[in-house]
PDB file of N, CA and C in Angstrom:
ATOM      1  N   MET A   1       0.841  -1.164   0.000  1.00  0.00           N
ATOM      2  CA  MET A   1       0.000   0.000   0.000  1.00  0.00           C
ATOM      3  C   MET A   1       0.887   1.227   0.000  1.00  0.00           C
ATOM      4  N   ALA A   2       0.477   2.230  -0.797  1.00  0.00           N
ATOM      5  CA  ALA A   2       1.193   3.504  -0.861  1.00  0.00           C
ATOM      6  C   ALA A   2       0.380   4.553  -0.108  1.00  0.00           C
ATOM      7  N   ILE A   3       1.016   5.253   0.823  1.00  0.00           N
ATOM      8  CA  ILE A   3       0.327   6.217   1.670  1.00  0.00           C
ATOM      9  C   ILE A   3       0.881   7.612   1.408  1.00  0.00           C
ATOM     10  N   ALA A   4      -0.015   8.543   1.074  1.00  0.00           N
ATOM     11  CA  ALA A   4       0.385   9.928   0.824  1.00  0.00           C
ATOM     12  C   ALA A   4       0.398  10.693   2.142  1.00  0.00           C
ATOM     13  N   SER A   5       1.605  11.049   2.590  1.00  0.00           N
ATOM     14  CA  SER A   5       1.746  11.716   3.877  1.00  0.00           C
ATOM     15  C   SER A   5       2.928  12.680   3.829  1.00  0.00           C
ATOM     16  N   LEU A   6       2.757  13.799   4.506  1.00  0.00           N
ATOM     17  CA  LEU A   6       3.848  14.765   4.623  1.00  0.00           C
ATOM     18  C   LEU A   6       4.795  14.419   5.768  1.00  0.00           C
ATOM     19  N   ASP A   7       4.275  13.726   6.793  1.00  0.00           N
ATOM     20  CA  ASP A   7       5.063  13.513   8.005  1.00  0.00           C
ATOM     21  C   ASP A   7       5.204  12.056   8.446  1.00  0.00           C
ATOM     22  N   GLY A   8       4.575  11.133   7.723  1.00  0.00           N
ATOM     23  CA  GLY A   8       4.655   9.727   8.113  1.00  0.00           C
ATOM     24  C   GLY A   8       3.756   9.348   9.268  1.00  0.00           C
ATOM     25  N   LYS A   9       2.939  10.299   9.753  1.00  0.00           N
ATOM     26  CA  LYS A   9       2.030  10.033  10.859  1.00  0.00           C
ATOM     27  C   LYS A   9       0.574  10.174  10.456  1.00  0.00           C
ATOM     28  N   MET A  10       0.321  11.166   9.608  1.00  0.00           N
ATOM     29  CA  MET A  10      -1.043  11.463   9.159  1.00  0.00           C
ATOM     30  C   MET A  10      -1.158  11.249   7.649  1.00  0.00           C
ATOM     31  N   ILE A  11      -2.330  10.829   7.218  1.00  0.00           N
ATOM     32  CA  ILE A  11      -2.654  10.796   5.792  1.00  0.00           C
ATOM     33  C   ILE A  11      -3.151  12.204   5.495  1.00  0.00           C
ATOM     34  N   ASN A  12      -2.249  13.039   5.010  1.00  0.00           N
ATOM     35  CA  ASN A  12      -2.545  14.458   4.886  1.00  0.00           C
ATOM     36  C   ASN A  12      -2.062  15.047   3.562  1.00  0.00           C
ATOM     37  N   GLU A  13      -1.990  14.219   2.551  1.00  0.00           N
ATOM     38  CA  GLU A  13      -1.499  14.674   1.256  1.00  0.00           C
ATOM     39  C   GLU A  13      -2.461  14.272   0.151  1.00  0.00           C
ATOM     40  N   HIS A  14      -2.692  15.188  -0.759  1.00  0.00           N
ATOM     41  CA  HIS A  14      -3.489  14.946  -1.961  1.00  0.00           C
ATOM     42  C   HIS A  14      -2.639  14.111  -2.916  1.00  0.00           C
ATOM     43  N   PHE A  15      -3.259  13.151  -3.598  1.00  0.00           N
ATOM     44  CA  PHE A  15      -2.513  12.283  -4.505  1.00  0.00           C
ATOM     45  C   PHE A  15      -1.673  13.090  -5.493  1.00  0.00           C
ATOM     46  N   GLY A  16      -2.258  14.095  -6.090  1.00  0.00           N
ATOM     47  CA  GLY A  16      -1.561  14.870  -7.113  1.00  0.00           C
ATOM     48  C   GLY A  16      -0.458  15.762  -6.591  1.00  0.00           C
ATOM     49  N   SER A  17      -0.452  16.056  -5.300  1.00  0.00           N
ATOM     50  CA  SER A  17       0.575  16.909  -4.695  1.00  0.00           C
ATOM     51  C   SER A  17       1.705  16.121  -4.054  1.00  0.00           C
ATOM     52  N   ALA A  18       1.515  14.832  -3.894  1.00  0.00           N
ATOM     53  CA  ALA A  18       2.487  14.008  -3.167  1.00  0.00           C
ATOM     54  C   ALA A  18       3.844  13.971  -3.867  1.00  0.00           C
ATOM     55  N   LYS A  19       4.889  14.205  -3.079  1.00  0.00           N
ATOM     56  CA  LYS A  19       6.263  14.103  -3.567  1.00  0.00           C
ATOM     57  C   LYS A  19       6.855  12.742  -3.233  1.00  0.00           C
ATOM     58  N   GLU A  20       6.211  12.076  -2.285  1.00  0.00           N
ATOM     59  CA  GLU A  20       6.646  10.732  -1.913  1.00  0.00           C
ATOM     60  C   GLU A  20       5.477   9.987  -1.281  1.00  0.00           C
ATOM     61  N   PHE A  21       5.591   8.675  -1.279  1.00  0.00           N
ATOM     62  CA  PHE A  21       4.611   7.808  -0.640  1.00  0.00           C
ATOM     63  C   PHE A  21       5.342   6.914   0.343  1.00  0.00           C
ATOM     64  N   PHE A  22       4.693   6.651   1.464  1.00  0.00           N
ATOM     65  CA  PHE A  22       5.194   5.683   2.431  1.00  0.00           C
ATOM     66  C   PHE A  22       4.619   4.337   2.013  1.00  0.00           C
ATOM     67  N   ILE A  23       5.473   3.348   1.816  1.00  0.00           N
ATOM     68  CA  ILE A  23       5.050   2.039   1.322  1.00  0.00           C
ATOM     69  C   ILE A  23       4.968   1.074   2.511  1.00  0.00           C
ATOM     70  N   VAL A  24       3.816   0.426   2.636  1.00  0.00           N
ATOM     71  CA  VAL A  24       3.554  -0.506   3.732  1.00  0.00           C
ATOM     72  C   VAL A  24       3.039  -1.809   3.142  1.00  0.00           C
ATOM     73  N   ASP A  25       3.544  -2.918   3.656  1.00  0.00           N
ATOM     74  CA  ASP A  25       3.097  -4.245   3.241  1.00  0.00           C
ATOM     75  C   ASP A  25       2.077  -4.747   4.258  1.00  0.00           C
ATOM     76  N   LEU A  26       0.872  -5.033   3.785  1.00  0.00           N
ATOM     77  CA  LEU A  26      -0.163  -5.594   4.650  1.00  0.00           C
ATOM     78  C   LEU A  26      -0.029  -7.114   4.627  1.00  0.00           C
ATOM     79  N   LYS A  27       0.073  -7.724   5.778  1.00  0.00           N
ATOM     80  CA  LYS A  27       0.302  -9.169   5.892  1.00  0.00           C
ATOM     81  C   LYS A  27      -1.010  -9.924   6.103  1.00  0.00           C
ATOM     82  N   PRO A  28      -1.088 -11.160   5.628  1.00  0.00           N
ATOM     83  CA  PRO A  28      -2.293 -11.973   5.806  1.00  0.00           C
ATOM     84  C   PRO A  28      -2.658 -12.226   7.271  1.00  0.00           C
ATOM     85  N   ASP A  29      -1.690 -12.118   8.183  1.00  0.00           N
ATOM     86  CA  ASP A  29      -1.991 -12.357   9.605  1.00  0.00           C
ATOM     87  C   ASP A  29      -2.540 -11.113  10.310  1.00  0.00           C
ATOM     88  N   GLY A  30      -2.769 -10.030   9.555  1.00  0.00           N
ATOM     89  CA  GLY A  30      -3.336  -8.824  10.131  1.00  0.00           C
ATOM     90  C   GLY A  30      -2.319  -7.790  10.563  1.00  0.00           C
ATOM     91  N   THR A  31      -1.050  -8.071  10.388  1.00  0.00           N
ATOM     92  CA  THR A  31      -0.010  -7.102  10.729  1.00  0.00           C
ATOM     93  C   THR A  31       0.389  -6.337   9.460  1.00  0.00           C
ATOM     94  N   ASN A  32       1.190  -5.317   9.647  1.00  0.00           N
ATOM     95  CA  ASN A  32       1.727  -4.599   8.503  1.00  0.00           C
ATOM     96  C   ASN A  32       3.180  -4.249   8.775  1.00  0.00           C
ATOM     97  N   GLU A  33       3.915  -4.030   7.692  1.00  0.00           N
ATOM     98  CA  GLU A  33       5.341  -3.749   7.798  1.00  0.00           C
ATOM     99  C   GLU A  33       5.683  -2.548   6.925  1.00  0.00           C
ATOM    100  N   PHE A  34       6.351  -1.563   7.527  1.00  0.00           N
ATOM    101  CA  PHE A  34       6.827  -0.407   6.775  1.00  0.00           C
ATOM    102  C   PHE A  34       7.982  -0.859   5.884  1.00  0.00           C
ATOM    103  N   ILE A  35       7.857  -0.607   4.579  1.00  0.00           N
ATOM    104  CA  ILE A  35       8.887  -1.009   3.619  1.00  0.00           C
ATOM    105  C   ILE A  35       9.857   0.126   3.339  1.00  0.00           C
ATOM    106  N   GLY A  36       9.329   1.333   3.174  1.00  0.00           N
ATOM    107  CA  GLY A  36      10.201   2.479   2.899  1.00  0.00           C
ATOM    108  C   GLY A  36       9.425   3.615   2.272  1.00  0.00           C
ATOM    109  N   ARG A  37      10.168   4.606   1.830  1.00  0.00           N
ATOM    110  CA  ARG A  37       9.578   5.773   1.176  1.00  0.00           C
ATOM    111  C   ARG A  37       9.887   5.695  -0.304  1.00  0.00           C
ATOM    112  N   ARG A  38       8.939   6.152  -1.121  1.00  0.00           N
ATOM    113  CA  ARG A  38       9.131   6.137  -2.566  1.00  0.00           C
ATOM    114  C   ARG A  38       8.860   7.534  -3.113  1.00  0.00           C
ATOM    115  N   ALA A  39       9.878   8.150  -3.681  1.00  0.00           N
ATOM    116  CA  ALA A  39       9.744   9.485  -4.263  1.00  0.00           C
ATOM    117  C   ALA A  39       9.028   9.404  -5.603  1.00  0.00           C
ATOM    118  N   VAL A  40       8.174  10.395  -5.852  1.00  0.00           N
ATOM    119  CA  VAL A  40       7.475  10.529  -7.136  1.00  0.00           C
ATOM    120  C   VAL A  40       7.483  12.008  -7.522  1.00  0.00           C
ATOM    121  N   ASN A  41       7.250  12.275  -8.781  1.00  0.00           N
ATOM    122  CA  ASN A  41       7.097  13.647  -9.234  1.00  0.00           C
ATOM    123  C   ASN A  41       5.650  14.065  -9.000  1.00  0.00           C
ATOM    124  N   PRO A  42       5.435  15.154  -8.252  1.00  0.00           N
ATOM    125  CA  PRO A  42       4.056  15.592  -8.017  1.00  0.00           C
ATOM    126  C   PRO A  42       3.341  15.901  -9.333  1.00  0.00           C
ATOM    127  N   LEU A  43       2.100  15.494  -9.426  1.00  0.00           N
ATOM    128  CA  LEU A  43       1.316  15.725 -10.639  1.00  0.00           C
ATOM    129  C   LEU A  43       0.866  17.164 -10.770  1.00  0.00           C
ATOM    130  N   CYS A  44       0.449  17.754  -9.668  1.00  0.00           N
ATOM    131  CA  CYS A  44      -0.190  19.075  -9.704  1.00  0.00           C
ATOM    132  C   CYS A  44       0.780  20.161  -9.258  1.00  0.00           C
ATOM    133  N   ARG A  45       1.681  20.514 -10.109  1.00  0.00           N
ATOM    134  CA  ARG A  45       2.623  21.585  -9.768  1.00  0.00           C
ATOM    135  C   ARG A  45       2.014  22.953 -10.021  1.00  0.00           C
ATOM    136  N   THR A  46       1.245  23.072 -11.086  1.00  0.00           N
ATOM    137  CA  THR A  46       0.677  24.372 -11.460  1.00  0.00           C
ATOM    138  C   THR A  46      -0.846  24.332 -11.474  1.00  0.00           C
ATOM    139  N   GLY A  47      -1.438  23.344 -10.822  1.00  0.00           N
ATOM    140  CA  GLY A  47      -2.888  23.212 -10.820  1.00  0.00           C
ATOM    141  C   GLY A  47      -3.395  22.335 -11.947  1.00  0.00           C
ATOM    142  N   GLU A  48      -2.527  21.969 -12.857  1.00  0.00           N
ATOM    143  CA  GLU A  48      -2.884  21.080 -13.965  1.00  0.00           C
ATOM    144  C   GLU A  48      -1.872  19.941 -14.003  1.00  0.00           C
ATOM    145  N   HIS A  49      -2.275  18.849 -14.629  1.00  0.00           N
ATOM    146  CA  HIS A  49      -1.330  17.745 -14.784  1.00  0.00           C
ATOM    147  C   HIS A  49      -1.504  17.121 -16.153  1.00  0.00           C
ATOM    148  N   SER A  50      -0.466  16.421 -16.573  1.00  0.00           N
ATOM    149  CA  SER A  50      -0.492  15.778 -17.885  1.00  0.00           C
ATOM    150  C   SER A  50      -0.832  14.305 -17.733  1.00  0.00           C
ATOM    151  N   ASP A  51      -1.334  13.735 -18.810  1.00  0.00           N
ATOM    152  CA  ASP A  51      -1.586  12.297 -18.816  1.00  0.00           C
ATOM    153  C   ASP A  51      -0.282  11.526 -18.639  1.00  0.00           C
ATOM    154  N   GLU A  52       0.798  12.040 -19.218  1.00  0.00           N
ATOM    155  CA  GLU A  52       2.099  11.366 -19.089  1.00  0.00           C
ATOM    156  C   GLU A  52       2.553  11.343 -17.623  1.00  0.00           C
ATOM    157  N   GLY A  53       2.351  12.453 -16.921  1.00  0.00           N
ATOM    158  CA  GLY A  53       2.720  12.515 -15.502  1.00  0.00           C
ATOM    159  C   GLY A  53       1.895  11.557 -14.662  1.00  0.00           C
ATOM    160  N   LEU A  54       0.604  11.469 -14.969  1.00  0.00           N
ATOM    161  CA  LEU A  54      -0.275  10.546 -14.251  1.00  0.00           C
ATOM    162  C   LEU A  54       0.157   9.109 -14.491  1.00  0.00           C
ATOM    163  N   LEU A  55       0.456   8.777 -15.739  1.00  0.00           N
ATOM    164  CA  LEU A  55       0.907   7.423 -16.058  1.00  0.00           C
ATOM    165  C   LEU A  55       2.232   7.103 -15.381  1.00  0.00           C
ATOM    166  N   ALA A  56       3.130   8.089 -15.285  1.00  0.00           N
ATOM    167  CA  ALA A  56       4.408   7.872 -14.600  1.00  0.00           C
ATOM    168  C   ALA A  56       4.190   7.597 -13.118  1.00  0.00           C
ATOM    169  N   SER A  57       3.264   8.331 -12.500  1.00  0.00           N
ATOM    170  CA  SER A  57       2.961   8.093 -11.085  1.00  0.00           C
ATOM    171  C   SER A  57       2.371   6.702 -10.876  1.00  0.00           C
ATOM    172  N   ILE A  58       1.461   6.323 -11.736  1.00  0.00           N
ATOM    173  CA  ILE A  58       0.855   4.994 -11.644  1.00  0.00           C
ATOM    174  C   ILE A  58       1.916   3.919 -11.829  1.00  0.00           C
ATOM    175  N   ASP A  59       2.806   4.128 -12.784  1.00  0.00           N
ATOM    176  CA  ASP A  59       3.868   3.151 -13.031  1.00  0.00           C
ATOM    177  C   ASP A  59       4.785   3.012 -11.812  1.00  0.00           C
ATOM    178  N   SER A  60       5.045   4.120 -11.123  1.00  0.00           N
ATOM    179  CA  SER A  60       5.925   4.051  -9.956  1.00  0.00           C
ATOM    180  C   SER A  60       5.259   3.344  -8.766  1.00  0.00           C
ATOM    181  N   LEU A  61       3.933   3.189  -8.824  1.00  0.00           N
ATOM    182  CA  LEU A  61       3.201   2.515  -7.746  1.00  0.00           C
ATOM    183  C   LEU A  61       2.616   1.178  -8.198  1.00  0.00           C
ATOM    184  N   ASN A  62       3.079   0.665  -9.322  1.00  0.00           N
ATOM    185  CA  ASN A  62       2.459  -0.523  -9.918  1.00  0.00           C
ATOM    186  C   ASN A  62       2.592  -1.792  -9.081  1.00  0.00           C
ATOM    187  N   ASP A  63       3.452  -1.809  -8.088  1.00  0.00           N
ATOM    188  CA  ASP A  63       3.564  -2.979  -7.213  1.00  0.00           C
ATOM    189  C   ASP A  63       2.674  -2.853  -5.974  1.00  0.00           C
ATOM    190  N   CYS A  64       1.912  -1.772  -5.886  1.00  0.00           N
ATOM    191  CA  CYS A  64       1.008  -1.548  -4.761  1.00  0.00           C
ATOM    192  C   CYS A  64      -0.410  -1.944  -5.163  1.00  0.00           C
ATOM    193  N   THR A  65      -1.141  -2.522  -4.234  1.00  0.00           N
ATOM    194  CA  THR A  65      -2.531  -2.892  -4.513  1.00  0.00           C
ATOM    195  C   THR A  65      -3.497  -1.778  -4.162  1.00  0.00           C
ATOM    196  N   ALA A  66      -2.998  -0.760  -3.430  1.00  0.00           N
ATOM    197  CA  ALA A  66      -3.880   0.326  -3.019  1.00  0.00           C
ATOM    198  C   ALA A  66      -3.067   1.572  -2.700  1.00  0.00           C
ATOM    199  N   VAL A  67      -3.748   2.724  -2.775  1.00  0.00           N
ATOM    200  CA  VAL A  67      -3.195   3.984  -2.288  1.00  0.00           C
ATOM    201  C   VAL A  67      -4.133   4.519  -1.222  1.00  0.00           C
ATOM    202  N   LEU A  68      -3.552   5.173  -0.249  1.00  0.00           N
ATOM    203  CA  LEU A  68      -4.281   5.767   0.852  1.00  0.00           C
ATOM    204  C   LEU A  68      -3.926   7.248   0.846  1.00  0.00           C
ATOM    205  N   VAL A  69      -4.923   8.101   0.562  1.00  0.00           N
ATOM    206  CA  VAL A  69      -4.687   9.532   0.367  1.00  0.00           C
ATOM    207  C   VAL A  69      -5.718  10.352   1.133  1.00  0.00           C
ATOM    208  N   SER A  70      -5.424  11.632   1.323  1.00  0.00           N
ATOM    209  CA  SER A  70      -6.424  12.504   1.943  1.00  0.00           C
ATOM    210  C   SER A  70      -7.449  12.938   0.905  1.00  0.00           C
ATOM    211  N   ARG A  71      -7.005  13.165  -0.324  1.00  0.00           N
ATOM    212  CA  ARG A  71      -7.893  13.566  -1.426  1.00  0.00           C
ATOM    213  C   ARG A  71      -7.293  13.078  -2.738  1.00  0.00           C
ATOM    214  N   ILE A  72      -8.171  12.926  -3.741  1.00  0.00           N
ATOM    215  CA  ILE A  72      -7.728  12.536  -5.078  1.00  0.00           C
ATOM    216  C   ILE A  72      -8.781  12.996  -6.075  1.00  0.00           C
ATOM    217  N   GLY A  73      -8.337  13.407  -7.230  1.00  0.00           N
ATOM    218  CA  GLY A  73      -9.262  13.816  -8.275  1.00  0.00           C
ATOM    219  C   GLY A  73      -9.917  12.611  -8.930  1.00  0.00           C
ATOM    220  N   VAL A  74     -11.049  12.861  -9.557  1.00  0.00           N
ATOM    221  CA  VAL A  74     -11.823  11.792 -10.190  1.00  0.00           C
ATOM    222  C   VAL A  74     -11.014  11.093 -11.283  1.00  0.00           C
ATOM    223  N   GLY A  75     -10.322  11.855 -12.115  1.00  0.00           N
ATOM    224  CA  GLY A  75      -9.549  11.262 -13.212  1.00  0.00           C
ATOM    225  C   GLY A  75      -8.411  10.387 -12.721  1.00  0.00           C
ATOM    226  N   ALA A  76      -7.681  10.863 -11.714  1.00  0.00           N
ATOM    227  CA  ALA A  76      -6.573  10.078 -11.162  1.00  0.00           C
ATOM    228  C   ALA A  76      -7.096   8.815 -10.491  1.00  0.00           C
ATOM    229  N   LYS A  77      -8.216   8.935  -9.777  1.00  0.00           N
ATOM    230  CA  LYS A  77      -8.807   7.762  -9.119  1.00  0.00           C
ATOM    231  C   LYS A  77      -9.191   6.711 -10.153  1.00  0.00           C
ATOM    232  N   LYS A  78      -9.845   7.147 -11.202  1.00  0.00           N
ATOM    233  CA  LYS A  78     -10.255   6.213 -12.246  1.00  0.00           C
ATOM    234  C   LYS A  78      -9.044   5.552 -12.907  1.00  0.00           C
ATOM    235  N   ALA A  79      -8.007   6.336 -13.179  1.00  0.00           N
ATOM    236  CA  ALA A  79      -6.802   5.788 -13.814  1.00  0.00           C
ATOM    237  C   ALA A  79      -6.121   4.751 -12.921  1.00  0.00           C
ATOM    238  N   LEU A  80      -6.053   5.015 -11.624  1.00  0.00           N
ATOM    239  CA  LEU A  80      -5.466   4.042 -10.700  1.00  0.00           C
ATOM    240  C   LEU A  80      -6.297   2.759 -10.675  1.00  0.00           C
ATOM    241  N   GLU A  81      -7.610   2.909 -10.583  1.00  0.00           N
ATOM    242  CA  GLU A  81      -8.476   1.732 -10.518  1.00  0.00           C
ATOM    243  C   GLU A  81      -8.419   0.912 -11.803  1.00  0.00           C
ATOM    244  N   ILE A  82      -8.318   1.566 -12.947  1.00  0.00           N
ATOM    245  CA  ILE A  82      -8.165   0.845 -14.219  1.00  0.00           C
ATOM    246  C   ILE A  82      -6.882   0.012 -14.198  1.00  0.00           C
ATOM    247  N   ASN A  83      -5.874   0.517 -13.484  1.00  0.00           N
ATOM    248  CA  ASN A  83      -4.596  -0.190 -13.359  1.00  0.00           C
ATOM    249  C   ASN A  83      -4.548  -1.093 -12.132  1.00  0.00           C
ATOM    250  N   ARG A  84      -5.721  -1.437 -11.623  1.00  0.00           N
ATOM    251  CA  ARG A  84      -5.876  -2.388 -10.525  1.00  0.00           C
ATOM    252  C   ARG A  84      -5.216  -1.940  -9.225  1.00  0.00           C
ATOM    253  N   ILE A  85      -5.269  -0.632  -8.971  1.00  0.00           N
ATOM    254  CA  ILE A  85      -4.802  -0.079  -7.708  1.00  0.00           C
ATOM    255  C   ILE A  85      -6.021   0.553  -7.032  1.00  0.00           C
ATOM    256  N   ALA A  86      -6.432  -0.018  -5.904  1.00  0.00           N
ATOM    257  CA  ALA A  86      -7.587   0.502  -5.174  1.00  0.00           C
ATOM    258  C   ALA A  86      -7.244   1.849  -4.548  1.00  0.00           C
ATOM    259  N   VAL A  87      -8.247   2.694  -4.422  1.00  0.00           N
ATOM    260  CA  VAL A  87      -8.050   4.038  -3.873  1.00  0.00           C
ATOM    261  C   VAL A  87      -8.914   4.201  -2.624  1.00  0.00           C
ATOM    262  N   PHE A  88      -8.277   4.659  -1.553  1.00  0.00           N
ATOM    263  CA  PHE A  88      -8.975   4.937  -0.306  1.00  0.00           C
ATOM    264  C   PHE A  88      -8.659   6.374   0.103  1.00  0.00           C
ATOM    265  N   GLU A  89      -9.703   7.200   0.210  1.00  0.00           N
ATOM    266  CA  GLU A  89      -9.560   8.560   0.727  1.00  0.00           C
ATOM    267  C   GLU A  89      -9.877   8.503   2.210  1.00  0.00           C
ATOM    268  N   GLN A  90      -8.878   8.734   3.035  1.00  0.00           N
ATOM    269  CA  GLN A  90      -9.055   8.588   4.475  1.00  0.00           C
ATOM    270  C   GLN A  90      -8.101   9.529   5.200  1.00  0.00           C
ATOM    271  N   PRO A  91      -8.446  10.814   5.311  1.00  0.00           N
ATOM    272  CA  PRO A  91      -7.584  11.708   6.096  1.00  0.00           C
ATOM    273  C   PRO A  91      -7.671  11.321   7.572  1.00  0.00           C
ATOM    274  N   ASP A  92      -6.640  10.677   8.069  1.00  0.00           N
ATOM    275  CA  ASP A  92      -6.665  10.079   9.404  1.00  0.00           C
ATOM    276  C   ASP A  92      -5.223   9.828   9.826  1.00  0.00           C
ATOM    277  N   PHE A  93      -5.037   9.360  11.043  1.00  0.00           N
ATOM    278  CA  PHE A  93      -3.723   8.876  11.453  1.00  0.00           C
ATOM    279  C   PHE A  93      -3.426   7.607  10.648  1.00  0.00           C
ATOM    280  N   ILE A  94      -2.213   7.475  10.174  1.00  0.00           N
ATOM    281  CA  ILE A  94      -1.839   6.307   9.372  1.00  0.00           C
ATOM    282  C   ILE A  94      -2.092   5.029  10.159  1.00  0.00           C
ATOM    283  N   GLU A  95      -1.677   5.001  11.404  1.00  0.00           N
ATOM    284  CA  GLU A  95      -1.834   3.800  12.234  1.00  0.00           C
ATOM    285  C   GLU A  95      -3.294   3.363  12.332  1.00  0.00           C
ATOM    286  N   ASP A  96      -4.197   4.319  12.529  1.00  0.00           N
ATOM    287  CA  ASP A  96      -5.623   4.001  12.657  1.00  0.00           C
ATOM    288  C   ASP A  96      -6.203   3.511  11.327  1.00  0.00           C
ATOM    289  N   ALA A  97      -5.864   4.192  10.254  1.00  0.00           N
ATOM    290  CA  ALA A  97      -6.369   3.795   8.938  1.00  0.00           C
ATOM    291  C   ALA A  97      -5.833   2.432   8.537  1.00  0.00           C
ATOM    292  N   LEU A  98      -4.560   2.159   8.817  1.00  0.00           N
ATOM    293  CA  LEU A  98      -3.990   0.851   8.476  1.00  0.00           C
ATOM    294  C   LEU A  98      -4.651  -0.274   9.261  1.00  0.00           C
ATOM    295  N   ALA A  99      -4.986  -0.024  10.514  1.00  0.00           N
ATOM    296  CA  ALA A  99      -5.676  -1.050  11.315  1.00  0.00           C
ATOM    297  C   ALA A  99      -6.998  -1.424  10.658  1.00  0.00           C
ATOM    298  N   LYS A 100      -7.750  -0.410  10.218  1.00  0.00           N
ATOM    299  CA  LYS A 100      -9.036  -0.666   9.564  1.00  0.00           C
ATOM    300  C   LYS A 100      -8.850  -1.372   8.220  1.00  0.00           C
ATOM    301  N   LEU A 101      -7.916  -0.877   7.429  1.00  0.00           N
ATOM    302  CA  LEU A 101      -7.715  -1.458   6.101  1.00  0.00           C
ATOM    303  C   LEU A 101      -7.113  -2.857   6.159  1.00  0.00           C
ATOM    304  N   THR A 102      -6.245  -3.093   7.127  1.00  0.00           N
ATOM    305  CA  THR A 102      -5.680  -4.438   7.261  1.00  0.00           C
ATOM    306  C   THR A 102      -6.787  -5.442   7.555  1.00  0.00           C
ATOM    307  N   LYS A 103      -7.704  -5.095   8.448  1.00  0.00           N
ATOM    308  CA  LYS A 103      -8.844  -5.977   8.732  1.00  0.00           C
ATOM    309  C   LYS A 103      -9.677  -6.202   7.476  1.00  0.00           C
ATOM    310  N   TYR A 104      -9.914  -5.142   6.723  1.00  0.00           N
ATOM    311  CA  TYR A 104     -10.688  -5.243   5.481  1.00  0.00           C
ATOM    312  C   TYR A 104     -10.001  -6.170   4.483  1.00  0.00           C
ATOM    313  N   PHE A 105      -8.696  -5.972   4.266  1.00  0.00           N
ATOM    314  CA  PHE A 105      -7.986  -6.794   3.290  1.00  0.00           C
ATOM    315  C   PHE A 105      -7.881  -8.245   3.742  1.00  0.00           C
ATOM    316  N   VAL A 106      -7.681  -8.473   5.025  1.00  0.00           N
ATOM    317  CA  VAL A 106      -7.630  -9.852   5.516  1.00  0.00           C
ATOM    318  C   VAL A 106      -8.967 -10.532   5.273  1.00  0.00           C
ATOM    319  N   ARG A 107     -10.049  -9.821   5.546  1.00  0.00           N
ATOM    320  CA  ARG A 107     -11.390 -10.384   5.378  1.00  0.00           C
ATOM    321  C   ARG A 107     -11.722 -10.630   3.908  1.00  0.00           C
ATOM    322  N   THR A 108     -11.270  -9.773   3.007  1.00  0.00           N
ATOM    323  CA  THR A 108     -11.663  -9.888   1.600  1.00  0.00           C
ATOM    324  C   THR A 108     -10.634 -10.583   0.716  1.00  0.00           C
ATOM    325  N   ASN A 109      -9.364 -10.283   0.899  1.00  0.00           N
ATOM    326  CA  ASN A 109      -8.343 -10.814  -0.014  1.00  0.00           C
ATOM    327  C   ASN A 109      -7.652 -12.070   0.483  1.00  0.00           C
ATOM    328  N   TYR A 110      -7.628 -12.276   1.772  1.00  0.00           N
ATOM    329  CA  TYR A 110      -6.869 -13.386   2.315  1.00  0.00           C
ATOM    330  C   TYR A 110      -7.759 -14.466   2.927  1.00  0.00           C
ATOM    331  N   ALA A 111      -9.038 -14.458   2.632  1.00  0.00           N
ATOM    332  CA  ALA A 111      -9.964 -15.432   3.217  1.00  0.00           C
ATOM    333  C   ALA A 111      -9.555 -16.860   2.888  1.00  0.00           C
ATOM    334  N   TYR A 112      -8.978 -17.071   1.726  1.00  0.00           N
ATOM    335  CA  TYR A 112      -8.580 -18.430   1.308  1.00  0.00           C
ATOM    336  C   TYR A 112      -7.481 -19.009   2.187  1.00  0.00           C
ATOM    337  N   LEU A 113      -6.746 -18.174   2.932  1.00  0.00           N
ATOM    338  CA  LEU A 113      -5.680 -18.669   3.782  1.00  0.00           C
ATOM    339  C   LEU A 113      -6.225 -19.393   5.008  1.00  0.00           C
ATOM    340  N   GLU A 114      -7.486 -19.171   5.342  1.00  0.00           N
ATOM    341  CA  GLU A 114      -8.054 -19.794   6.531  1.00  0.00           C
ATOM    342  C   GLU A 114      -8.499 -21.237   6.275  1.00  0.00           C
ATOM    343  N   ASP A 115      -8.509 -21.672   5.042  1.00  0.00           N
ATOM    344  CA  ASP A 115      -8.935 -23.048   4.715  1.00  0.00           C
ATOM    345  C   ASP A 115      -7.964 -24.087   5.242  1.00  0.00           C
TER     346      ASP A 115
END
């Protein structure tokens, strides 16, 4: 999961303004692990963005199954979802949002592990 944050504590960054994402691996046992930070070129430098810039951002996050942001535009959200990256708008503490999302992903994506 890629998290848009200015400080690593709060989800407080708009997808298009993010200069970096905090990458977290959600585990099937309900835990998560911080992997590192990933720098990206912000899409919205002048209030507008290009399709090429959006595609570059998506490509840099292509190993993530989801992004967690405070806000995102409709076009960017649709482009991420077309590329099989789920979008969650959740301006919250990262720790609290990850607890909720980890439970959600365990319940929906990892149910087969309980067999």
